[in-house]
Amino acid sequence: MDKIDRLIMRALPKVRIVERLRKDNPYMGKSCSELLELLSGENYQAPEMKTQEWDKFMYAIVHSSGEGGLTE
């Protein structure tokens, strides 16, 4: 096994995690402001933390596009 094969083997689990977060993610396609609104106090509708659904939610926030997105 050469160096490239070893690098590919190390990268595969990370690729699978990203695929899992993208697949059937109900939060993708929403703007960042819409997703952040789900986190607001009285109207809290975001999933519970430390769950797969939370991971999908956070992935969508980080990768949201359009107006109201996260900026530096």
PDB file of N, CA and C in Angstrom:
ATOM      1  N   MET A   1       0.848  -1.170   0.000  1.00  0.00           N
ATOM      2  CA  MET A   1       0.000   0.000   0.000  1.00  0.00           C
ATOM      3  C   MET A   1       0.899   1.241   0.000  1.00  0.00           C
ATOM      4  N   ASP A   2       0.667   2.100  -0.959  1.00  0.00           N
ATOM      5  CA  ASP A   2       1.492   3.301  -1.017  1.00  0.00           C
ATOM      6  C   ASP A   2       0.863   4.442  -0.211  1.00  0.00           C
ATOM      7  N   LYS A   3       1.538   5.550  -0.206  1.00  0.00           N
ATOM      8  CA  LYS A   3       1.123   6.680   0.630  1.00  0.00           C
ATOM      9  C   LYS A   3      -0.260   7.206   0.245  1.00  0.00           C
ATOM     10  N   ILE A   4      -0.547   7.274  -1.036  1.00  0.00           N
ATOM     11  CA  ILE A   4      -1.852   7.769  -1.494  1.00  0.00           C
ATOM     12  C   ILE A   4      -2.971   6.862  -1.002  1.00  0.00           C
ATOM     13  N   ASP A   5      -2.775   5.555  -1.080  1.00  0.00           N
ATOM     14  CA  ASP A   5      -3.789   4.620  -0.591  1.00  0.00           C
ATOM     15  C   ASP A   5      -4.035   4.806   0.907  1.00  0.00           C
ATOM     16  N   ARG A   6      -2.994   5.024   1.669  1.00  0.00           N
ATOM     17  CA  ARG A   6      -3.150   5.240   3.107  1.00  0.00           C
ATOM     18  C   ARG A   6      -3.923   6.531   3.387  1.00  0.00           C
ATOM     19  N   LEU A   7      -3.646   7.582   2.614  1.00  0.00           N
ATOM     20  CA  LEU A   7      -4.370   8.844   2.785  1.00  0.00           C
ATOM     21  C   LEU A   7      -5.854   8.684   2.452  1.00  0.00           C
ATOM     22  N   ILE A   8      -6.145   7.939   1.405  1.00  0.00           N
ATOM     23  CA  ILE A   8      -7.542   7.687   1.033  1.00  0.00           C
ATOM     24  C   ILE A   8      -8.248   6.912   2.136  1.00  0.00           C
ATOM     25  N   MET A   9      -7.594   5.907   2.680  1.00  0.00           N
ATOM     26  CA  MET A   9      -8.196   5.101   3.745  1.00  0.00           C
ATOM     27  C   MET A   9      -8.482   5.964   4.981  1.00  0.00           C
ATOM     28  N   ARG A  10      -7.612   6.910   5.278  1.00  0.00           N
ATOM     29  CA  ARG A  10      -7.832   7.787   6.433  1.00  0.00           C
ATOM     30  C   ARG A  10      -8.955   8.783   6.183  1.00  0.00           C
ATOM     31  N   ALA A  11      -9.156   9.194   4.934  1.00  0.00           N
ATOM     32  CA  ALA A  11     -10.170  10.198   4.608  1.00  0.00           C
ATOM     33  C   ALA A  11     -11.577   9.612   4.487  1.00  0.00           C
ATOM     34  N   LEU A  12     -11.717   8.350   4.193  1.00  0.00           N
ATOM     35  CA  LEU A  12     -13.032   7.764   3.960  1.00  0.00           C
ATOM     36  C   LEU A  12     -14.016   7.935   5.112  1.00  0.00           C
ATOM     37  N   PRO A  13     -13.643   7.700   6.365  1.00  0.00           N
ATOM     38  CA  PRO A  13     -14.636   7.901   7.435  1.00  0.00           C
ATOM     39  C   PRO A  13     -15.172   9.327   7.498  1.00  0.00           C
ATOM     40  N   LYS A  14     -14.338  10.317   7.239  1.00  0.00           N
ATOM     41  CA  LYS A  14     -14.786  11.707   7.252  1.00  0.00           C
ATOM     42  C   LYS A  14     -15.749  11.988   6.110  1.00  0.00           C
ATOM     43  N   VAL A  15     -15.495  11.394   4.953  1.00  0.00           N
ATOM     44  CA  VAL A  15     -16.382  11.563   3.805  1.00  0.00           C
ATOM     45  C   VAL A  15     -17.744  10.950   4.112  1.00  0.00           C
ATOM     46  N   ARG A  16     -17.748   9.806   4.751  1.00  0.00           N
ATOM     47  CA  ARG A  16     -19.011   9.151   5.099  1.00  0.00           C
ATOM     48  C   ARG A  16     -19.817   9.975   6.099  1.00  0.00           C
ATOM     49  N   ILE A  17     -19.151  10.645   7.021  1.00  0.00           N
ATOM     50  CA  ILE A  17     -19.841  11.497   7.984  1.00  0.00           C
ATOM     51  C   ILE A  17     -20.529  12.648   7.264  1.00  0.00           C
ATOM     52  N   VAL A  18     -19.837  13.276   6.331  1.00  0.00           N
ATOM     53  CA  VAL A  18     -20.420  14.392   5.581  1.00  0.00           C
ATOM     54  C   VAL A  18     -21.604  13.905   4.758  1.00  0.00           C
ATOM     55  N   GLU A  19     -21.488  12.745   4.126  1.00  0.00           N
ATOM     56  CA  GLU A  19     -22.605  12.196   3.353  1.00  0.00           C
ATOM     57  C   GLU A  19     -23.810  11.959   4.249  1.00  0.00           C
ATOM     58  N   ARG A  20     -23.580  11.453   5.463  1.00  0.00           N
ATOM     59  CA  ARG A  20     -24.673  11.190   6.399  1.00  0.00           C
ATOM     60  C   ARG A  20     -25.350  12.502   6.813  1.00  0.00           C
ATOM     61  N   LEU A  21     -24.556  13.557   6.992  1.00  0.00           N
ATOM     62  CA  LEU A  21     -25.122  14.841   7.395  1.00  0.00           C
ATOM     63  C   LEU A  21     -25.918  15.496   6.271  1.00  0.00           C
ATOM     64  N   ARG A  22     -25.529  15.279   5.046  1.00  0.00           N
ATOM     65  CA  ARG A  22     -26.243  15.861   3.902  1.00  0.00           C
ATOM     66  C   ARG A  22     -27.496  15.076   3.540  1.00  0.00           C
ATOM     67  N   LYS A  23     -27.446  13.769   3.695  1.00  0.00           N
ATOM     68  CA  LYS A  23     -28.541  12.903   3.252  1.00  0.00           C
ATOM     69  C   LYS A  23     -29.779  13.119   4.116  1.00  0.00           C
ATOM     70  N   ASP A  24     -30.901  13.355   3.472  1.00  0.00           N
ATOM     71  CA  ASP A  24     -32.189  13.523   4.142  1.00  0.00           C
ATOM     72  C   ASP A  24     -32.123  14.558   5.266  1.00  0.00           C
ATOM     73  N   ASN A  25     -31.447  15.659   5.020  1.00  0.00           N
ATOM     74  CA  ASN A  25     -31.334  16.717   6.016  1.00  0.00           C
ATOM     75  C   ASN A  25     -32.459  17.723   5.789  1.00  0.00           C
ATOM     76  N   PRO A  26     -33.454  17.743   6.690  1.00  0.00           N
ATOM     77  CA  PRO A  26     -34.595  18.638   6.489  1.00  0.00           C
ATOM     78  C   PRO A  26     -34.253  20.122   6.640  1.00  0.00           C
ATOM     79  N   TYR A  27     -33.076  20.415   7.167  1.00  0.00           N
ATOM     80  CA  TYR A  27     -32.690  21.801   7.407  1.00  0.00           C
ATOM     81  C   TYR A  27     -31.920  22.418   6.245  1.00  0.00           C
ATOM     82  N   MET A  28     -31.434  21.598   5.338  1.00  0.00           N
ATOM     83  CA  MET A  28     -30.699  22.116   4.181  1.00  0.00           C
ATOM     84  C   MET A  28     -31.672  22.883   3.293  1.00  0.00           C
ATOM     85  N   GLY A  29     -31.195  23.948   2.705  1.00  0.00           N
ATOM     86  CA  GLY A  29     -32.030  24.759   1.827  1.00  0.00           C
ATOM     87  C   GLY A  29     -32.676  25.937   2.543  1.00  0.00           C
ATOM     88  N   LYS A  30     -32.612  25.947   3.869  1.00  0.00           N
ATOM     89  CA  LYS A  30     -33.127  27.080   4.622  1.00  0.00           C
ATOM     90  C   LYS A  30     -31.998  28.081   4.813  1.00  0.00           C
ATOM     91  N   SER A  31     -32.365  29.339   4.967  1.00  0.00           N
ATOM     92  CA  SER A  31     -31.335  30.356   5.184  1.00  0.00           C
ATOM     93  C   SER A  31     -30.828  30.273   6.614  1.00  0.00           C
ATOM     94  N   CYS A  32     -29.696  30.871   6.834  1.00  0.00           N
ATOM     95  CA  CYS A  32     -29.105  30.875   8.162  1.00  0.00           C
ATOM     96  C   CYS A  32     -30.026  31.585   9.154  1.00  0.00           C
ATOM     97  N   SER A  33     -30.642  32.659   8.719  1.00  0.00           N
ATOM     98  CA  SER A  33     -31.533  33.392   9.625  1.00  0.00           C
ATOM     99  C   SER A  33     -32.745  32.553  10.020  1.00  0.00           C
ATOM    100  N   GLU A  34     -33.274  31.750   9.093  1.00  0.00           N
ATOM    101  CA  GLU A  34     -34.389  30.855   9.421  1.00  0.00           C
ATOM    102  C   GLU A  34     -33.965  29.806  10.446  1.00  0.00           C
ATOM    103  N   LEU A  35     -32.772  29.278  10.258  1.00  0.00           N
ATOM    104  CA  LEU A  35     -32.280  28.256  11.185  1.00  0.00           C
ATOM    105  C   LEU A  35     -31.987  28.853  12.558  1.00  0.00           C
ATOM    106  N   LEU A  36     -31.412  30.044  12.581  1.00  0.00           N
ATOM    107  CA  LEU A  36     -31.128  30.684  13.860  1.00  0.00           C
ATOM    108  C   LEU A  36     -32.411  31.055  14.587  1.00  0.00           C
ATOM    109  N   GLU A  37     -33.455  31.341  13.837  1.00  0.00           N
ATOM    110  CA  GLU A  37     -34.748  31.645  14.448  1.00  0.00           C
ATOM    111  C   GLU A  37     -35.281  30.445  15.234  1.00  0.00           C
ATOM    112  N   LEU A  38     -34.967  29.233  14.773  1.00  0.00           N
ATOM    113  CA  LEU A  38     -35.386  28.024  15.488  1.00  0.00           C
ATOM    114  C   LEU A  38     -34.719  27.908  16.856  1.00  0.00           C
ATOM    115  N   LEU A  39     -33.611  28.609  17.033  1.00  0.00           N
ATOM    116  CA  LEU A  39     -32.884  28.571  18.302  1.00  0.00           C
ATOM    117  C   LEU A  39     -33.340  29.647  19.287  1.00  0.00           C
ATOM    118  N   SER A  40     -34.210  30.550  18.834  1.00  0.00           N
ATOM    119  CA  SER A  40     -34.582  31.665  19.702  1.00  0.00           C
ATOM    120  C   SER A  40     -35.451  31.195  20.870  1.00  0.00           C
ATOM    121  N   GLY A  41     -35.278  31.833  22.002  1.00  0.00           N
ATOM    122  CA  GLY A  41     -35.857  31.497  23.296  1.00  0.00           C
ATOM    123  C   GLY A  41     -37.243  30.895  23.330  1.00  0.00           C
ATOM    124  N   GLU A  42     -38.285  31.703  23.205  1.00  0.00           N
ATOM    125  CA  GLU A  42     -39.651  31.224  23.358  1.00  0.00           C
ATOM    126  C   GLU A  42     -40.071  30.271  22.250  1.00  0.00           C
ATOM    127  N   ASN A  43     -39.510  30.450  21.067  1.00  0.00           N
ATOM    128  CA  ASN A  43     -39.890  29.638  19.910  1.00  0.00           C
ATOM    129  C   ASN A  43     -38.906  28.517  19.633  1.00  0.00           C
ATOM    130  N   TYR A  44     -38.165  28.076  20.631  1.00  0.00           N
ATOM    131  CA  TYR A  44     -37.121  27.069  20.428  1.00  0.00           C
ATOM    132  C   TYR A  44     -37.708  25.810  19.796  1.00  0.00           C
ATOM    133  N   GLN A  45     -37.251  25.492  18.591  1.00  0.00           N
ATOM    134  CA  GLN A  45     -37.739  24.326  17.864  1.00  0.00           C
ATOM    135  C   GLN A  45     -36.595  23.477  17.321  1.00  0.00           C
ATOM    136  N   ALA A  46     -35.390  23.805  17.695  1.00  0.00           N
ATOM    137  CA  ALA A  46     -34.229  23.048  17.217  1.00  0.00           C
ATOM    138  C   ALA A  46     -34.195  21.687  17.914  1.00  0.00           C
ATOM    139  N   PRO A  47     -33.536  20.715  17.291  1.00  0.00           N
ATOM    140  CA  PRO A  47     -33.439  19.395  17.925  1.00  0.00           C
ATOM    141  C   PRO A  47     -32.570  19.417  19.179  1.00  0.00           C
ATOM    142  N   GLU A  48     -32.677  18.377  19.978  1.00  0.00           N
ATOM    143  CA  GLU A  48     -31.867  18.284  21.193  1.00  0.00           C
ATOM    144  C   GLU A  48     -30.394  18.156  20.837  1.00  0.00           C
ATOM    145  N   MET A  49     -29.566  18.723  21.688  1.00  0.00           N
ATOM    146  CA  MET A  49     -28.122  18.671  21.463  1.00  0.00           C
ATOM    147  C   MET A  49     -27.601  17.246  21.622  1.00  0.00           C
ATOM    148  N   LYS A  50     -26.441  17.014  21.018  1.00  0.00           N
ATOM    149  CA  LYS A  50     -25.725  15.744  21.079  1.00  0.00           C
ATOM    150  C   LYS A  50     -26.539  14.583  20.509  1.00  0.00           C
ATOM    151  N   THR A  51     -27.299  14.876  19.445  1.00  0.00           N
ATOM    152  CA  THR A  51     -28.017  13.845  18.706  1.00  0.00           C
ATOM    153  C   THR A  51     -27.629  13.959  17.235  1.00  0.00           C
ATOM    154  N   GLN A  52     -27.968  12.949  16.450  1.00  0.00           N
ATOM    155  CA  GLN A  52     -27.676  13.023  15.017  1.00  0.00           C
ATOM    156  C   GLN A  52     -28.475  14.146  14.363  1.00  0.00           C
ATOM    157  N   GLU A  53     -29.679  14.366  14.849  1.00  0.00           N
ATOM    158  CA  GLU A  53     -30.503  15.441  14.299  1.00  0.00           C
ATOM    159  C   GLU A  53     -29.866  16.811  14.578  1.00  0.00           C
ATOM    160  N   TRP A  54     -29.268  16.970  15.751  1.00  0.00           N
ATOM    161  CA  TRP A  54     -28.552  18.207  16.093  1.00  0.00           C
ATOM    162  C   TRP A  54     -27.362  18.389  15.153  1.00  0.00           C
ATOM    163  N   ASP A  55     -26.642  17.312  14.884  1.00  0.00           N
ATOM    164  CA  ASP A  55     -25.503  17.387  13.971  1.00  0.00           C
ATOM    165  C   ASP A  55     -25.951  17.863  12.586  1.00  0.00           C
ATOM    166  N   LYS A  56     -27.086  17.358  12.113  1.00  0.00           N
ATOM    167  CA  LYS A  56     -27.623  17.788  10.822  1.00  0.00           C
ATOM    168  C   LYS A  56     -28.001  19.267  10.865  1.00  0.00           C
ATOM    169  N   PHE A  57     -28.595  19.670  11.973  1.00  0.00           N
ATOM    170  CA  PHE A  57     -28.996  21.066  12.143  1.00  0.00           C
ATOM    171  C   PHE A  57     -27.787  21.989  12.093  1.00  0.00           C
ATOM    172  N   MET A  58     -26.749  21.654  12.836  1.00  0.00           N
ATOM    173  CA  MET A  58     -25.550  22.481  12.860  1.00  0.00           C
ATOM    174  C   MET A  58     -24.837  22.473  11.508  1.00  0.00           C
ATOM    175  N   TYR A  59     -24.822  21.344  10.836  1.00  0.00           N
ATOM    176  CA  TYR A  59     -24.229  21.263   9.497  1.00  0.00           C
ATOM    177  C   TYR A  59     -24.955  22.225   8.556  1.00  0.00           C
ATOM    178  N   ALA A  60     -26.284  22.255   8.651  1.00  0.00           N
ATOM    179  CA  ALA A  60     -27.064  23.138   7.791  1.00  0.00           C
ATOM    180  C   ALA A  60     -26.782  24.602   8.101  1.00  0.00           C
ATOM    181  N   ILE A  61     -26.621  24.945   9.379  1.00  0.00           N
ATOM    182  CA  ILE A  61     -26.311  26.333   9.726  1.00  0.00           C
ATOM    183  C   ILE A  61     -24.965  26.744   9.142  1.00  0.00           C
ATOM    184  N   VAL A  62     -23.983  25.905   9.307  1.00  0.00           N
ATOM    185  CA  VAL A  62     -22.637  26.239   8.827  1.00  0.00           C
ATOM    186  C   VAL A  62     -22.601  26.327   7.304  1.00  0.00           C
ATOM    187  N   HIS A  63     -23.377  25.484   6.633  1.00  0.00           N
ATOM    188  CA  HIS A  63     -23.338  25.450   5.172  1.00  0.00           C
ATOM    189  C   HIS A  63     -24.536  26.157   4.529  1.00  0.00           C
ATOM    190  N   SER A  64     -25.260  26.955   5.298  1.00  0.00           N
ATOM    191  CA  SER A  64     -26.402  27.666   4.736  1.00  0.00           C
ATOM    192  C   SER A  64     -25.933  28.741   3.774  1.00  0.00           C
ATOM    193  N   SER A  65     -26.768  29.020   2.816  1.00  0.00           N
ATOM    194  CA  SER A  65     -26.402  30.031   1.826  1.00  0.00           C
ATOM    195  C   SER A  65     -27.466  31.114   1.813  1.00  0.00           C
ATOM    196  N   GLY A  66     -27.197  32.131   1.091  1.00  0.00           N
ATOM    197  CA  GLY A  66     -28.149  33.212   0.961  1.00  0.00           C
ATOM    198  C   GLY A  66     -27.968  34.272   2.020  1.00  0.00           C
ATOM    199  N   GLU A  67     -28.958  35.116   2.126  1.00  0.00           N
ATOM    200  CA  GLU A  67     -28.882  36.244   3.051  1.00  0.00           C
ATOM    201  C   GLU A  67     -28.993  35.765   4.493  1.00  0.00           C
ATOM    202  N   GLY A  68     -28.329  36.450   5.339  1.00  0.00           N
ATOM    203  CA  GLY A  68     -28.381  36.112   6.751  1.00  0.00           C
ATOM    204  C   GLY A  68     -27.418  35.016   7.134  1.00  0.00           C
ATOM    205  N   GLY A  69     -26.489  34.672   6.244  1.00  0.00           N
ATOM    206  CA  GLY A  69     -25.533  33.616   6.530  1.00  0.00           C
ATOM    207  C   GLY A  69     -24.487  34.047   7.528  1.00  0.00           C
ATOM    208  N   LEU A  70     -23.751  33.090   8.021  1.00  0.00           N
ATOM    209  CA  LEU A  70     -22.689  33.395   8.979  1.00  0.00           C
ATOM    210  C   LEU A  70     -21.576  34.151   8.279  1.00  0.00           C
ATOM    211  N   THR A  71     -21.079  35.197   8.920  1.00  0.00           N
ATOM    212  CA  THR A  71     -19.979  35.978   8.361  1.00  0.00           C
ATOM    213  C   THR A  71     -18.876  36.063   9.393  1.00  0.00           C
ATOM    214  N   GLU A  72     -17.709  36.395   8.918  1.00  0.00           N
ATOM    215  CA  GLU A  72     -16.558  36.513   9.827  1.00  0.00           C
ATOM    216  C   GLU A  72     -16.555  37.861  10.496  1.00  0.00           C
TER     217      GLU A  72
END
